[in-house]
Amino acid sequence: KHKQIRIFATILTMSNQPHNRLIHTISLTLNRLGDGLVDPKLVLAWLLTSLGAGAFWIGLLVPLREAGALLPQLFTASRLRFVTVRKWWWVFGAMIQAVAVAGMVLTALTLTGAAAGAAIATLVAIFAIARSISSVSYKDVLGNTVDKSHRGAVSGTAASIASAGILVFGLVLLFGIAERTVIVISALSIASIMWVLAAITFARLIEEPSLVTAD
């Protein structure tokens, strides 16, 4: 019986390939664009400097993002087997990232000094944990919804489009088309919207329930 279910699920997955490839490409592009616009070494570091947060908080940005994105995977990865439709992990993580970045925008508009530094550092930690939740589920979802021969094309297309968008953002910063604070806050606002759109798009992915569950 299980063998017949697996065959049926495989047939359904193959029939949904074009739709799923498009969904993955759009969601991954939006996700990577958002990542580029919330770069802690450039965008957030400059923002905290402009807010007078101090070197201590600026120095925490990268460690918080890197540790927050990796360490939680030790706990979340083992729980992934309890979930039969795993796209919702990615959707949940994307929505939390959107909320965290929106919080950074609000902080930039209302706080300064150490208060701004503490608030944004906390939001970066939350953002990183949410990023980890999405990351730990993505490979499984990709493997379940896109044929192996097309996975590289999906990732490559998303990376190329996102790189072009980030390059444009870098040029805007370089040539000072507008006041830099306005550019940075606008970029964060756009990034937050991108994660909302990515979550909505990814929710439309057609994923057959996994047969691998907890014993």
N, C-alpha and C. Protein backbone atom coordinates (compact mmCIF):
# COMPACT_ATOMS: atom_id res chain seq x y z
N LYS A 1 0.83 -1.21 0.00
CA LYS A 1 0.00 0.00 0.00
C LYS A 1 0.86 1.26 0.00
N HIS A 2 1.90 1.26 0.84
CA HIS A 2 2.79 2.42 0.90
C HIS A 2 3.50 2.63 -0.43
N LYS A 3 3.86 1.54 -1.09
CA LYS A 3 4.53 1.66 -2.39
C LYS A 3 3.61 2.32 -3.41
N GLN A 4 2.34 1.94 -3.39
CA GLN A 4 1.38 2.54 -4.32
C GLN A 4 1.19 4.03 -4.03
N ILE A 5 1.17 4.39 -2.75
CA ILE A 5 1.04 5.80 -2.37
C ILE A 5 2.24 6.59 -2.86
N ARG A 6 3.43 6.00 -2.71
CA ARG A 6 4.64 6.69 -3.16
C ARG A 6 4.62 6.91 -4.67
N ILE A 7 4.19 5.90 -5.40
CA ILE A 7 4.12 6.03 -6.86
C ILE A 7 3.14 7.13 -7.25
N PHE A 8 1.98 7.14 -6.59
CA PHE A 8 0.96 8.16 -6.87
C PHE A 8 1.49 9.55 -6.55
N ALA A 9 2.18 9.69 -5.42
CA ALA A 9 2.75 10.99 -5.01
C ALA A 9 3.80 11.45 -6.01
N THR A 10 4.59 10.50 -6.54
CA THR A 10 5.62 10.84 -7.52
C THR A 10 4.99 11.37 -8.81
N ILE A 11 3.91 10.71 -9.24
CA ILE A 11 3.21 11.14 -10.45
C ILE A 11 2.65 12.56 -10.27
N LEU A 12 2.06 12.81 -9.11
CA LEU A 12 1.51 14.14 -8.84
C LEU A 12 2.60 15.20 -8.82
N THR A 13 3.74 14.85 -8.21
CA THR A 13 4.85 15.80 -8.12
C THR A 13 5.37 16.15 -9.51
N MET A 14 5.51 15.15 -10.37
CA MET A 14 6.00 15.39 -11.72
C MET A 14 5.04 16.28 -12.50
N SER A 15 3.74 16.07 -12.32
CA SER A 15 2.76 16.87 -13.06
C SER A 15 2.74 18.33 -12.61
N ASN A 16 3.21 18.57 -11.40
CA ASN A 16 3.22 19.94 -10.86
C ASN A 16 4.56 20.65 -11.05
N GLN A 17 5.47 20.05 -11.77
CA GLN A 17 6.83 20.58 -11.89
C GLN A 17 6.90 22.03 -12.39
N PRO A 18 6.26 22.38 -13.51
CA PRO A 18 6.38 23.76 -14.00
C PRO A 18 5.90 24.79 -12.98
N HIS A 19 4.76 24.51 -12.38
CA HIS A 19 4.21 25.41 -11.35
C HIS A 19 5.18 25.54 -10.19
N ASN A 20 5.68 24.44 -9.69
CA ASN A 20 6.56 24.47 -8.52
C ASN A 20 7.89 25.15 -8.82
N ARG A 21 8.42 24.94 -10.01
CA ARG A 21 9.68 25.61 -10.37
C ARG A 21 9.50 27.12 -10.36
N LEU A 22 8.39 27.58 -10.87
CA LEU A 22 8.11 29.03 -10.89
C LEU A 22 7.97 29.56 -9.48
N ILE A 23 7.24 28.84 -8.63
CA ILE A 23 7.06 29.26 -7.25
C ILE A 23 8.39 29.34 -6.52
N HIS A 24 9.22 28.32 -6.67
CA HIS A 24 10.53 28.31 -6.04
C HIS A 24 11.38 29.49 -6.53
N THR A 25 11.38 29.73 -7.83
CA THR A 25 12.21 30.80 -8.39
C THR A 25 11.79 32.16 -7.86
N ILE A 26 10.50 32.42 -7.84
CA ILE A 26 10.02 33.72 -7.35
C ILE A 26 10.33 33.88 -5.86
N SER A 27 10.00 32.87 -5.07
CA SER A 27 10.20 32.96 -3.61
C SER A 27 11.67 33.09 -3.25
N LEU A 28 12.50 32.29 -3.91
CA LEU A 28 13.93 32.33 -3.61
C LEU A 28 14.55 33.65 -4.04
N THR A 29 14.09 34.19 -5.16
CA THR A 29 14.58 35.50 -5.62
C THR A 29 14.23 36.59 -4.61
N LEU A 30 12.99 36.62 -4.16
CA LEU A 30 12.56 37.61 -3.17
C LEU A 30 13.34 37.45 -1.87
N ASN A 31 13.56 36.21 -1.46
CA ASN A 31 14.30 35.93 -0.23
C ASN A 31 15.73 36.44 -0.33
N ARG A 32 16.39 36.18 -1.44
CA ARG A 32 17.79 36.59 -1.60
C ARG A 32 17.91 38.10 -1.78
N LEU A 33 16.95 38.70 -2.44
CA LEU A 33 16.95 40.16 -2.54
C LEU A 33 16.81 40.79 -1.15
N GLY A 34 15.90 40.23 -0.37
CA GLY A 34 15.71 40.72 0.99
C GLY A 34 16.99 40.59 1.80
N ASP A 35 17.67 39.45 1.68
CA ASP A 35 18.92 39.24 2.39
C ASP A 35 19.95 40.31 2.04
N GLY A 36 20.01 40.64 0.75
CA GLY A 36 20.97 41.65 0.32
C GLY A 36 20.65 43.04 0.85
N LEU A 37 19.38 43.34 0.98
CA LEU A 37 18.97 44.66 1.47
C LEU A 37 19.09 44.79 2.98
N VAL A 38 19.25 43.66 3.69
CA VAL A 38 19.38 43.68 5.15
C VAL A 38 20.80 43.21 5.54
N ASP A 39 21.74 43.49 4.70
CA ASP A 39 23.12 43.07 4.96
C ASP A 39 23.64 43.70 6.26
N PRO A 40 24.07 42.89 7.24
CA PRO A 40 24.50 43.46 8.53
C PRO A 40 25.83 44.21 8.45
N LYS A 41 26.69 43.80 7.53
CA LYS A 41 28.01 44.43 7.44
C LYS A 41 27.94 45.82 6.80
N LEU A 42 26.95 46.03 5.95
CA LEU A 42 26.86 47.30 5.24
C LEU A 42 25.65 48.10 5.68
N VAL A 43 24.46 47.58 5.41
CA VAL A 43 23.23 48.34 5.63
C VAL A 43 22.96 48.58 7.11
N LEU A 44 22.93 47.49 7.90
CA LEU A 44 22.59 47.64 9.31
C LEU A 44 23.70 48.33 10.09
N ALA A 45 24.94 48.06 9.74
CA ALA A 45 26.06 48.73 10.41
C ALA A 45 26.00 50.23 10.17
N TRP A 46 25.73 50.62 8.94
CA TRP A 46 25.62 52.06 8.65
C TRP A 46 24.43 52.66 9.38
N LEU A 47 23.33 51.94 9.41
CA LEU A 47 22.14 52.46 10.08
C LEU A 47 22.40 52.70 11.56
N LEU A 48 23.04 51.74 12.24
CA LEU A 48 23.33 51.91 13.67
C LEU A 48 24.33 53.06 13.89
N THR A 49 25.26 53.21 12.97
CA THR A 49 26.20 54.34 13.07
C THR A 49 25.45 55.65 12.98
N SER A 50 24.52 55.75 12.04
CA SER A 50 23.76 56.99 11.86
C SER A 50 22.84 57.27 13.05
N LEU A 51 22.45 56.20 13.76
CA LEU A 51 21.59 56.36 14.93
C LEU A 51 22.37 56.58 16.21
N GLY A 52 23.70 56.56 16.10
CA GLY A 52 24.55 56.78 17.27
C GLY A 52 24.52 55.65 18.27
N ALA A 53 24.39 54.41 17.76
CA ALA A 53 24.23 53.26 18.66
C ALA A 53 25.53 52.85 19.35
N GLY A 54 26.65 53.14 18.75
CA GLY A 54 27.93 52.77 19.37
C GLY A 54 28.50 51.49 18.80
N ALA A 55 29.82 51.34 18.95
CA ALA A 55 30.55 50.22 18.36
C ALA A 55 30.14 48.87 18.94
N PHE A 56 29.75 48.84 20.21
CA PHE A 56 29.39 47.57 20.85
C PHE A 56 28.24 46.89 20.09
N TRP A 57 27.18 47.64 19.82
CA TRP A 57 26.01 47.08 19.16
C TRP A 57 26.30 46.76 17.70
N ILE A 58 27.09 47.60 17.06
CA ILE A 58 27.46 47.34 15.67
C ILE A 58 28.27 46.04 15.57
N GLY A 59 29.17 45.83 16.53
CA GLY A 59 29.98 44.63 16.53
C GLY A 59 29.20 43.35 16.76
N LEU A 60 28.01 43.45 17.33
CA LEU A 60 27.18 42.27 17.59
C LEU A 60 26.39 41.80 16.37
N LEU A 61 26.24 42.65 15.38
CA LEU A 61 25.33 42.36 14.27
C LEU A 61 25.67 41.06 13.54
N VAL A 62 26.92 40.96 13.08
CA VAL A 62 27.31 39.78 12.30
C VAL A 62 27.31 38.50 13.15
N PRO A 63 27.90 38.51 14.36
CA PRO A 63 27.84 37.29 15.18
C PRO A 63 26.41 36.84 15.49
N LEU A 64 25.53 37.79 15.78
CA LEU A 64 24.14 37.43 16.07
C LEU A 64 23.47 36.81 14.86
N ARG A 65 23.72 37.38 13.70
CA ARG A 65 23.09 36.84 12.49
C ARG A 65 23.62 35.44 12.16
N GLU A 66 24.94 35.28 12.24
CA GLU A 66 25.53 33.99 11.88
C GLU A 66 25.17 32.91 12.89
N ALA A 67 25.32 33.20 14.18
CA ALA A 67 25.01 32.21 15.21
C ALA A 67 23.52 31.90 15.23
N GLY A 68 22.71 32.95 15.07
CA GLY A 68 21.26 32.75 15.09
C GLY A 68 20.76 31.93 13.92
N ALA A 69 21.49 31.98 12.80
CA ALA A 69 21.08 31.24 11.62
C ALA A 69 21.52 29.78 11.67
N LEU A 70 22.55 29.47 12.46
CA LEU A 70 23.12 28.12 12.47
C LEU A 70 22.75 27.30 13.70
N LEU A 71 22.90 27.88 14.88
CA LEU A 71 22.69 27.12 16.10
C LEU A 71 21.28 26.54 16.25
N PRO A 72 20.22 27.30 15.93
CA PRO A 72 18.87 26.74 16.09
C PRO A 72 18.61 25.50 15.23
N GLN A 73 19.39 25.33 14.15
CA GLN A 73 19.19 24.18 13.29
C GLN A 73 19.44 22.87 14.03
N LEU A 74 20.25 22.93 15.08
CA LEU A 74 20.51 21.73 15.87
C LEU A 74 19.23 21.21 16.53
N PHE A 75 18.29 22.13 16.78
CA PHE A 75 17.04 21.76 17.44
C PHE A 75 15.89 21.61 16.45
N THR A 76 15.86 22.48 15.43
CA THR A 76 14.74 22.46 14.50
C THR A 76 14.82 21.30 13.50
N ALA A 77 16.03 20.91 13.13
CA ALA A 77 16.18 19.86 12.12
C ALA A 77 15.55 18.55 12.58
N SER A 78 15.72 18.22 13.86
CA SER A 78 15.19 16.95 14.37
C SER A 78 13.66 16.95 14.43
N ARG A 79 13.07 18.14 14.49
CA ARG A 79 11.61 18.22 14.58
C ARG A 79 10.94 18.26 13.21
N LEU A 80 11.75 18.44 12.17
CA LEU A 80 11.20 18.52 10.82
C LEU A 80 10.48 17.23 10.44
N ARG A 81 10.93 16.08 10.97
CA ARG A 81 10.33 14.81 10.61
C ARG A 81 8.90 14.67 11.15
N PHE A 82 8.50 15.54 12.05
CA PHE A 82 7.13 15.50 12.57
C PHE A 82 6.15 16.17 11.61
N VAL A 83 6.65 16.90 10.63
CA VAL A 83 5.81 17.71 9.75
C VAL A 83 5.68 17.01 8.39
N THR A 84 4.47 16.80 7.94
CA THR A 84 4.26 16.11 6.68
C THR A 84 4.29 17.06 5.48
N VAL A 85 3.79 18.28 5.65
CA VAL A 85 3.86 19.30 4.59
C VAL A 85 4.80 20.39 5.10
N ARG A 86 6.01 20.38 4.60
CA ARG A 86 7.08 21.17 5.22
C ARG A 86 7.22 22.58 4.68
N LYS A 87 6.47 22.92 3.64
CA LYS A 87 6.55 24.28 3.10
C LYS A 87 6.13 25.31 4.14
N TRP A 88 5.27 24.91 5.09
CA TRP A 88 4.77 25.87 6.08
C TRP A 88 5.87 26.32 7.02
N TRP A 89 6.91 25.52 7.20
CA TRP A 89 8.06 25.98 8.00
C TRP A 89 8.70 27.17 7.31
N TRP A 90 8.88 27.05 5.99
CA TRP A 90 9.52 28.13 5.23
C TRP A 90 8.64 29.38 5.27
N VAL A 91 7.34 29.19 5.07
CA VAL A 91 6.40 30.32 5.09
C VAL A 91 6.44 31.02 6.45
N PHE A 92 6.41 30.24 7.52
CA PHE A 92 6.46 30.81 8.87
C PHE A 92 7.75 31.61 9.08
N GLY A 93 8.87 31.03 8.68
CA GLY A 93 10.16 31.73 8.83
C GLY A 93 10.19 33.02 8.04
N ALA A 94 9.66 33.00 6.82
CA ALA A 94 9.65 34.20 5.99
C ALA A 94 8.81 35.31 6.61
N MET A 95 7.66 34.95 7.19
CA MET A 95 6.80 35.96 7.81
C MET A 95 7.46 36.57 9.05
N ILE A 96 8.16 35.75 9.83
CA ILE A 96 8.86 36.30 11.00
C ILE A 96 9.99 37.21 10.56
N GLN A 97 10.68 36.85 9.49
CA GLN A 97 11.72 37.74 8.96
C GLN A 97 11.12 39.08 8.54
N ALA A 98 9.97 39.03 7.90
CA ALA A 98 9.29 40.27 7.48
C ALA A 98 8.96 41.14 8.69
N VAL A 99 8.45 40.53 9.74
CA VAL A 99 8.10 41.28 10.96
C VAL A 99 9.35 41.86 11.62
N ALA A 100 10.43 41.07 11.68
CA ALA A 100 11.67 41.54 12.30
C ALA A 100 12.23 42.75 11.56
N VAL A 101 12.23 42.69 10.24
CA VAL A 101 12.77 43.81 9.45
C VAL A 101 11.86 45.03 9.56
N ALA A 102 10.55 44.81 9.61
CA ALA A 102 9.63 45.93 9.82
C ALA A 102 9.91 46.58 11.17
N GLY A 103 10.25 45.76 12.16
CA GLY A 103 10.63 46.30 13.47
C GLY A 103 11.88 47.16 13.40
N MET A 104 12.81 46.78 12.54
CA MET A 104 14.03 47.60 12.36
C MET A 104 13.68 48.97 11.78
N VAL A 105 12.74 48.98 10.85
CA VAL A 105 12.30 50.26 10.27
C VAL A 105 11.68 51.14 11.35
N LEU A 106 10.81 50.54 12.15
CA LEU A 106 10.17 51.29 13.23
C LEU A 106 11.21 51.82 14.23
N THR A 107 12.20 50.99 14.53
CA THR A 107 13.27 51.41 15.45
C THR A 107 14.02 52.60 14.89
N ALA A 108 14.36 52.52 13.60
CA ALA A 108 15.11 53.61 12.97
C ALA A 108 14.34 54.92 12.98
N LEU A 109 13.03 54.83 12.98
CA LEU A 109 12.19 56.04 12.94
C LEU A 109 11.90 56.60 14.32
N THR A 110 12.11 55.79 15.37
CA THR A 110 11.67 56.23 16.70
C THR A 110 12.76 56.26 17.78
N LEU A 111 13.87 55.53 17.57
CA LEU A 111 14.89 55.43 18.62
C LEU A 111 16.26 55.88 18.14
N THR A 112 17.11 56.22 19.10
CA THR A 112 18.49 56.56 18.79
C THR A 112 19.38 55.99 19.90
N GLY A 113 20.68 56.07 19.68
CA GLY A 113 21.65 55.68 20.70
C GLY A 113 21.61 54.20 21.05
N ALA A 114 21.93 53.90 22.31
CA ALA A 114 22.00 52.51 22.78
C ALA A 114 20.66 51.80 22.68
N ALA A 115 19.56 52.54 22.87
CA ALA A 115 18.23 51.93 22.76
C ALA A 115 18.00 51.39 21.36
N ALA A 116 18.40 52.17 20.36
CA ALA A 116 18.27 51.72 18.97
C ALA A 116 19.17 50.51 18.73
N GLY A 117 20.39 50.56 19.28
CA GLY A 117 21.32 49.45 19.11
C GLY A 117 20.79 48.16 19.71
N ALA A 118 20.25 48.24 20.93
CA ALA A 118 19.72 47.06 21.61
C ALA A 118 18.51 46.50 20.86
N ALA A 119 17.65 47.40 20.39
CA ALA A 119 16.43 46.96 19.69
C ALA A 119 16.78 46.26 18.38
N ILE A 120 17.67 46.87 17.60
CA ILE A 120 18.01 46.27 16.31
C ILE A 120 18.81 44.99 16.49
N ALA A 121 19.69 44.93 17.49
CA ALA A 121 20.43 43.69 17.76
C ALA A 121 19.47 42.56 18.12
N THR A 122 18.46 42.86 18.93
CA THR A 122 17.45 41.86 19.28
C THR A 122 16.68 41.40 18.06
N LEU A 123 16.32 42.34 17.21
CA LEU A 123 15.57 42.01 15.99
C LEU A 123 16.42 41.20 15.02
N VAL A 124 17.73 41.48 14.97
CA VAL A 124 18.63 40.69 14.13
C VAL A 124 18.67 39.25 14.61
N ALA A 125 18.70 39.05 15.94
CA ALA A 125 18.69 37.69 16.50
C ALA A 125 17.40 36.96 16.13
N ILE A 126 16.26 37.65 16.25
CA ILE A 126 14.97 37.05 15.88
C ILE A 126 14.95 36.74 14.39
N PHE A 127 15.44 37.68 13.60
CA PHE A 127 15.52 37.50 12.14
C PHE A 127 16.35 36.27 11.80
N ALA A 128 17.49 36.11 12.46
CA ALA A 128 18.39 35.00 12.17
C ALA A 128 17.76 33.65 12.53
N ILE A 129 17.05 33.60 13.65
CA ILE A 129 16.39 32.36 14.05
C ILE A 129 15.30 31.99 13.03
N ALA A 130 14.54 33.00 12.58
CA ALA A 130 13.51 32.76 11.57
C ALA A 130 14.15 32.29 10.26
N ARG A 131 15.28 32.88 9.93
CA ARG A 131 16.01 32.47 8.73
C ARG A 131 16.43 31.01 8.83
N SER A 132 16.84 30.61 10.03
CA SER A 132 17.24 29.23 10.27
C SER A 132 16.06 28.28 10.06
N ILE A 133 14.89 28.67 10.53
CA ILE A 133 13.70 27.84 10.39
C ILE A 133 13.39 27.61 8.90
N SER A 134 13.48 28.67 8.12
CA SER A 134 13.24 28.54 6.68
C SER A 134 14.31 27.68 6.02
N SER A 135 15.56 27.94 6.40
CA SER A 135 16.68 27.26 5.77
C SER A 135 16.66 25.76 6.00
N VAL A 136 16.33 25.35 7.23
CA VAL A 136 16.39 23.93 7.56
C VAL A 136 15.32 23.13 6.83
N SER A 137 14.25 23.78 6.41
CA SER A 137 13.18 23.08 5.71
C SER A 137 13.32 23.15 4.20
N TYR A 138 14.11 24.10 3.69
CA TYR A 138 14.07 24.38 2.25
C TYR A 138 14.56 23.22 1.40
N LYS A 139 15.68 22.60 1.78
CA LYS A 139 16.22 21.52 0.96
C LYS A 139 15.24 20.36 0.84
N ASP A 140 14.57 20.04 1.95
CA ASP A 140 13.58 18.96 1.92
C ASP A 140 12.42 19.32 1.00
N VAL A 141 11.95 20.55 1.12
CA VAL A 141 10.82 20.98 0.28
C VAL A 141 11.23 20.99 -1.19
N LEU A 142 12.42 21.51 -1.47
CA LEU A 142 12.90 21.53 -2.86
C LEU A 142 13.00 20.12 -3.41
N GLY A 143 13.56 19.21 -2.60
CA GLY A 143 13.69 17.83 -3.03
C GLY A 143 12.36 17.14 -3.27
N ASN A 144 11.34 17.53 -2.52
CA ASN A 144 10.02 16.91 -2.65
C ASN A 144 9.17 17.51 -3.77
N THR A 145 9.55 18.68 -4.25
CA THR A 145 8.67 19.38 -5.19
C THR A 145 9.28 19.71 -6.55
N VAL A 146 10.60 19.60 -6.67
CA VAL A 146 11.26 19.90 -7.94
C VAL A 146 12.20 18.75 -8.30
N ASP A 147 12.11 18.31 -9.55
CA ASP A 147 12.98 17.24 -10.03
C ASP A 147 14.45 17.63 -9.92
N LYS A 148 15.29 16.66 -9.61
CA LYS A 148 16.71 16.91 -9.37
C LYS A 148 17.39 17.63 -10.53
N SER A 149 17.00 17.32 -11.74
CA SER A 149 17.64 17.91 -12.92
C SER A 149 17.34 19.40 -13.08
N HIS A 150 16.33 19.90 -12.37
CA HIS A 150 15.94 21.31 -12.52
C HIS A 150 16.29 22.17 -11.29
N ARG A 151 16.77 21.54 -10.24
CA ARG A 151 17.02 22.29 -9.00
C ARG A 151 18.11 23.33 -9.17
N GLY A 152 19.16 22.99 -9.89
CA GLY A 152 20.24 23.95 -10.12
C GLY A 152 19.78 25.16 -10.91
N ALA A 153 18.90 24.93 -11.88
CA ALA A 153 18.39 26.04 -12.70
C ALA A 153 17.56 26.99 -11.86
N VAL A 154 16.75 26.43 -10.95
CA VAL A 154 15.93 27.26 -10.06
C VAL A 154 16.82 28.15 -9.20
N SER A 155 17.81 27.54 -8.55
CA SER A 155 18.70 28.29 -7.68
C SER A 155 19.53 29.31 -8.45
N GLY A 156 20.02 28.90 -9.62
CA GLY A 156 20.85 29.80 -10.43
C GLY A 156 20.09 31.00 -10.94
N THR A 157 18.86 30.78 -11.39
CA THR A 157 18.04 31.89 -11.88
C THR A 157 17.73 32.87 -10.76
N ALA A 158 17.37 32.35 -9.60
CA ALA A 158 17.07 33.22 -8.46
C ALA A 158 18.30 34.01 -8.04
N ALA A 159 19.46 33.36 -8.02
CA ALA A 159 20.70 34.04 -7.63
C ALA A 159 21.06 35.15 -8.61
N SER A 160 20.87 34.90 -9.90
CA SER A 160 21.21 35.90 -10.92
C SER A 160 20.32 37.13 -10.82
N ILE A 161 19.02 36.90 -10.67
CA ILE A 161 18.09 38.03 -10.58
C ILE A 161 18.35 38.83 -9.30
N ALA A 162 18.55 38.11 -8.19
CA ALA A 162 18.79 38.79 -6.91
C ALA A 162 20.10 39.58 -6.96
N SER A 163 21.13 39.02 -7.57
CA SER A 163 22.41 39.72 -7.67
C SER A 163 22.27 41.02 -8.45
N ALA A 164 21.49 40.99 -9.52
CA ALA A 164 21.27 42.20 -10.30
C ALA A 164 20.54 43.25 -9.47
N GLY A 165 19.55 42.83 -8.70
CA GLY A 165 18.82 43.77 -7.85
C GLY A 165 19.70 44.37 -6.77
N ILE A 166 20.55 43.56 -6.17
CA ILE A 166 21.45 44.04 -5.12
C ILE A 166 22.49 44.99 -5.71
N LEU A 167 22.93 44.70 -6.93
CA LEU A 167 23.87 45.60 -7.61
C LEU A 167 23.25 46.98 -7.82
N VAL A 168 22.00 47.00 -8.24
CA VAL A 168 21.30 48.28 -8.42
C VAL A 168 21.22 49.03 -7.10
N PHE A 169 20.91 48.32 -6.02
CA PHE A 169 20.85 48.95 -4.70
C PHE A 169 22.21 49.52 -4.31
N GLY A 170 23.28 48.77 -4.59
CA GLY A 170 24.62 49.26 -4.30
C GLY A 170 24.97 50.53 -5.06
N LEU A 171 24.54 50.59 -6.31
CA LEU A 171 24.79 51.78 -7.13
C LEU A 171 24.01 52.98 -6.60
N VAL A 172 22.79 52.72 -6.13
CA VAL A 172 21.99 53.81 -5.54
C VAL A 172 22.70 54.38 -4.32
N LEU A 173 23.24 53.50 -3.49
CA LEU A 173 23.99 53.95 -2.31
C LEU A 173 25.26 54.69 -2.71
N LEU A 174 25.96 54.15 -3.70
CA LEU A 174 27.24 54.72 -4.11
C LEU A 174 27.10 56.13 -4.66
N PHE A 175 26.09 56.32 -5.50
CA PHE A 175 25.95 57.61 -6.17
C PHE A 175 25.04 58.58 -5.40
N GLY A 176 24.51 58.15 -4.26
CA GLY A 176 23.75 59.06 -3.42
C GLY A 176 22.57 59.70 -4.13
N ILE A 177 21.76 58.87 -4.78
CA ILE A 177 20.60 59.40 -5.52
C ILE A 177 19.63 60.10 -4.57
N ALA A 178 19.59 59.66 -3.32
CA ALA A 178 18.79 60.31 -2.29
C ALA A 178 19.60 60.32 -1.00
N GLU A 179 19.09 60.96 0.03
CA GLU A 179 19.77 60.98 1.32
C GLU A 179 19.91 59.55 1.84
N ARG A 180 21.10 59.20 2.33
CA ARG A 180 21.39 57.80 2.62
C ARG A 180 20.46 57.18 3.66
N THR A 181 20.08 57.94 4.67
CA THR A 181 19.16 57.40 5.67
C THR A 181 17.83 57.02 5.03
N VAL A 182 17.35 57.85 4.13
CA VAL A 182 16.11 57.57 3.41
C VAL A 182 16.26 56.30 2.58
N ILE A 183 17.41 56.16 1.92
CA ILE A 183 17.65 54.98 1.08
C ILE A 183 17.64 53.71 1.92
N VAL A 184 18.34 53.76 3.07
CA VAL A 184 18.46 52.57 3.92
C VAL A 184 17.10 52.17 4.51
N ILE A 185 16.38 53.15 5.04
CA ILE A 185 15.06 52.84 5.62
C ILE A 185 14.10 52.34 4.54
N SER A 186 14.18 52.93 3.36
CA SER A 186 13.35 52.46 2.24
C SER A 186 13.71 51.04 1.85
N ALA A 187 15.01 50.74 1.84
CA ALA A 187 15.48 49.39 1.48
C ALA A 187 14.96 48.36 2.48
N LEU A 188 15.01 48.69 3.77
CA LEU A 188 14.50 47.78 4.79
C LEU A 188 12.99 47.58 4.64
N SER A 189 12.30 48.64 4.34
CA SER A 189 10.85 48.54 4.14
C SER A 189 10.52 47.63 2.96
N ILE A 190 11.27 47.81 1.87
CA ILE A 190 11.06 46.98 0.68
C ILE A 190 11.39 45.52 1.00
N ALA A 191 12.46 45.30 1.76
CA ALA A 191 12.85 43.93 2.13
C ALA A 191 11.75 43.24 2.93
N SER A 192 11.16 43.97 3.86
CA SER A 192 10.07 43.41 4.66
C SER A 192 8.90 42.99 3.77
N ILE A 193 8.56 43.84 2.83
CA ILE A 193 7.48 43.52 1.89
C ILE A 193 7.84 42.31 1.04
N MET A 194 9.12 42.22 0.66
CA MET A 194 9.56 41.08 -0.16
C MET A 194 9.36 39.76 0.56
N TRP A 195 9.64 39.73 1.88
CA TRP A 195 9.45 38.48 2.61
C TRP A 195 7.97 38.13 2.76
N VAL A 196 7.13 39.13 2.88
CA VAL A 196 5.69 38.86 2.91
C VAL A 196 5.25 38.24 1.58
N LEU A 197 5.70 38.84 0.48
CA LEU A 197 5.35 38.32 -0.85
C LEU A 197 5.93 36.93 -1.06
N ALA A 198 7.17 36.72 -0.57
CA ALA A 198 7.79 35.40 -0.70
C ALA A 198 6.99 34.34 0.05
N ALA A 199 6.53 34.69 1.25
CA ALA A 199 5.74 33.75 2.05
C ALA A 199 4.41 33.43 1.36
N ILE A 200 3.75 34.45 0.85
CA ILE A 200 2.47 34.24 0.15
C ILE A 200 2.67 33.37 -1.08
N THR A 201 3.75 33.65 -1.81
CA THR A 201 4.04 32.87 -3.01
C THR A 201 4.36 31.42 -2.68
N PHE A 202 5.22 31.21 -1.66
CA PHE A 202 5.64 29.86 -1.30
C PHE A 202 4.47 29.03 -0.79
N ALA A 203 3.51 29.69 -0.19
CA ALA A 203 2.32 28.98 0.30
C ALA A 203 1.53 28.34 -0.84
N ARG A 204 1.73 28.82 -2.04
CA ARG A 204 1.03 28.28 -3.21
C ARG A 204 1.74 27.07 -3.81
N LEU A 205 2.88 26.71 -3.25
CA LEU A 205 3.62 25.54 -3.71
C LEU A 205 2.77 24.28 -3.53
N ILE A 206 2.81 23.41 -4.51
CA ILE A 206 2.08 22.14 -4.42
C ILE A 206 3.04 21.08 -3.90
N GLU A 207 2.88 20.73 -2.62
CA GLU A 207 3.75 19.75 -1.98
C GLU A 207 2.91 18.59 -1.47
N GLU A 208 3.24 17.40 -1.94
CA GLU A 208 2.54 16.22 -1.45
C GLU A 208 3.03 15.87 -0.05
N PRO A 209 2.15 15.47 0.86
CA PRO A 209 2.56 15.13 2.23
C PRO A 209 3.64 14.06 2.25
N SER A 210 4.63 14.28 3.08
CA SER A 210 5.72 13.32 3.22
C SER A 210 5.25 12.10 3.98
N LEU A 211 5.74 10.94 3.58
CA LEU A 211 5.42 9.69 4.27
C LEU A 211 6.36 9.41 5.43
N VAL A 212 7.41 10.22 5.52
CA VAL A 212 8.39 10.01 6.59
C VAL A 212 7.99 10.84 7.79
N THR A 213 7.48 10.23 8.81
CA THR A 213 7.05 10.91 10.02
C THR A 213 7.70 10.27 11.22
N ALA A 214 7.47 10.85 12.38
CA ALA A 214 8.06 10.29 13.60
C ALA A 214 7.43 8.94 13.91
N ASP A 215 8.25 8.04 14.40
CA ASP A 215 7.75 6.71 14.77
C ASP A 215 7.04 6.77 16.11
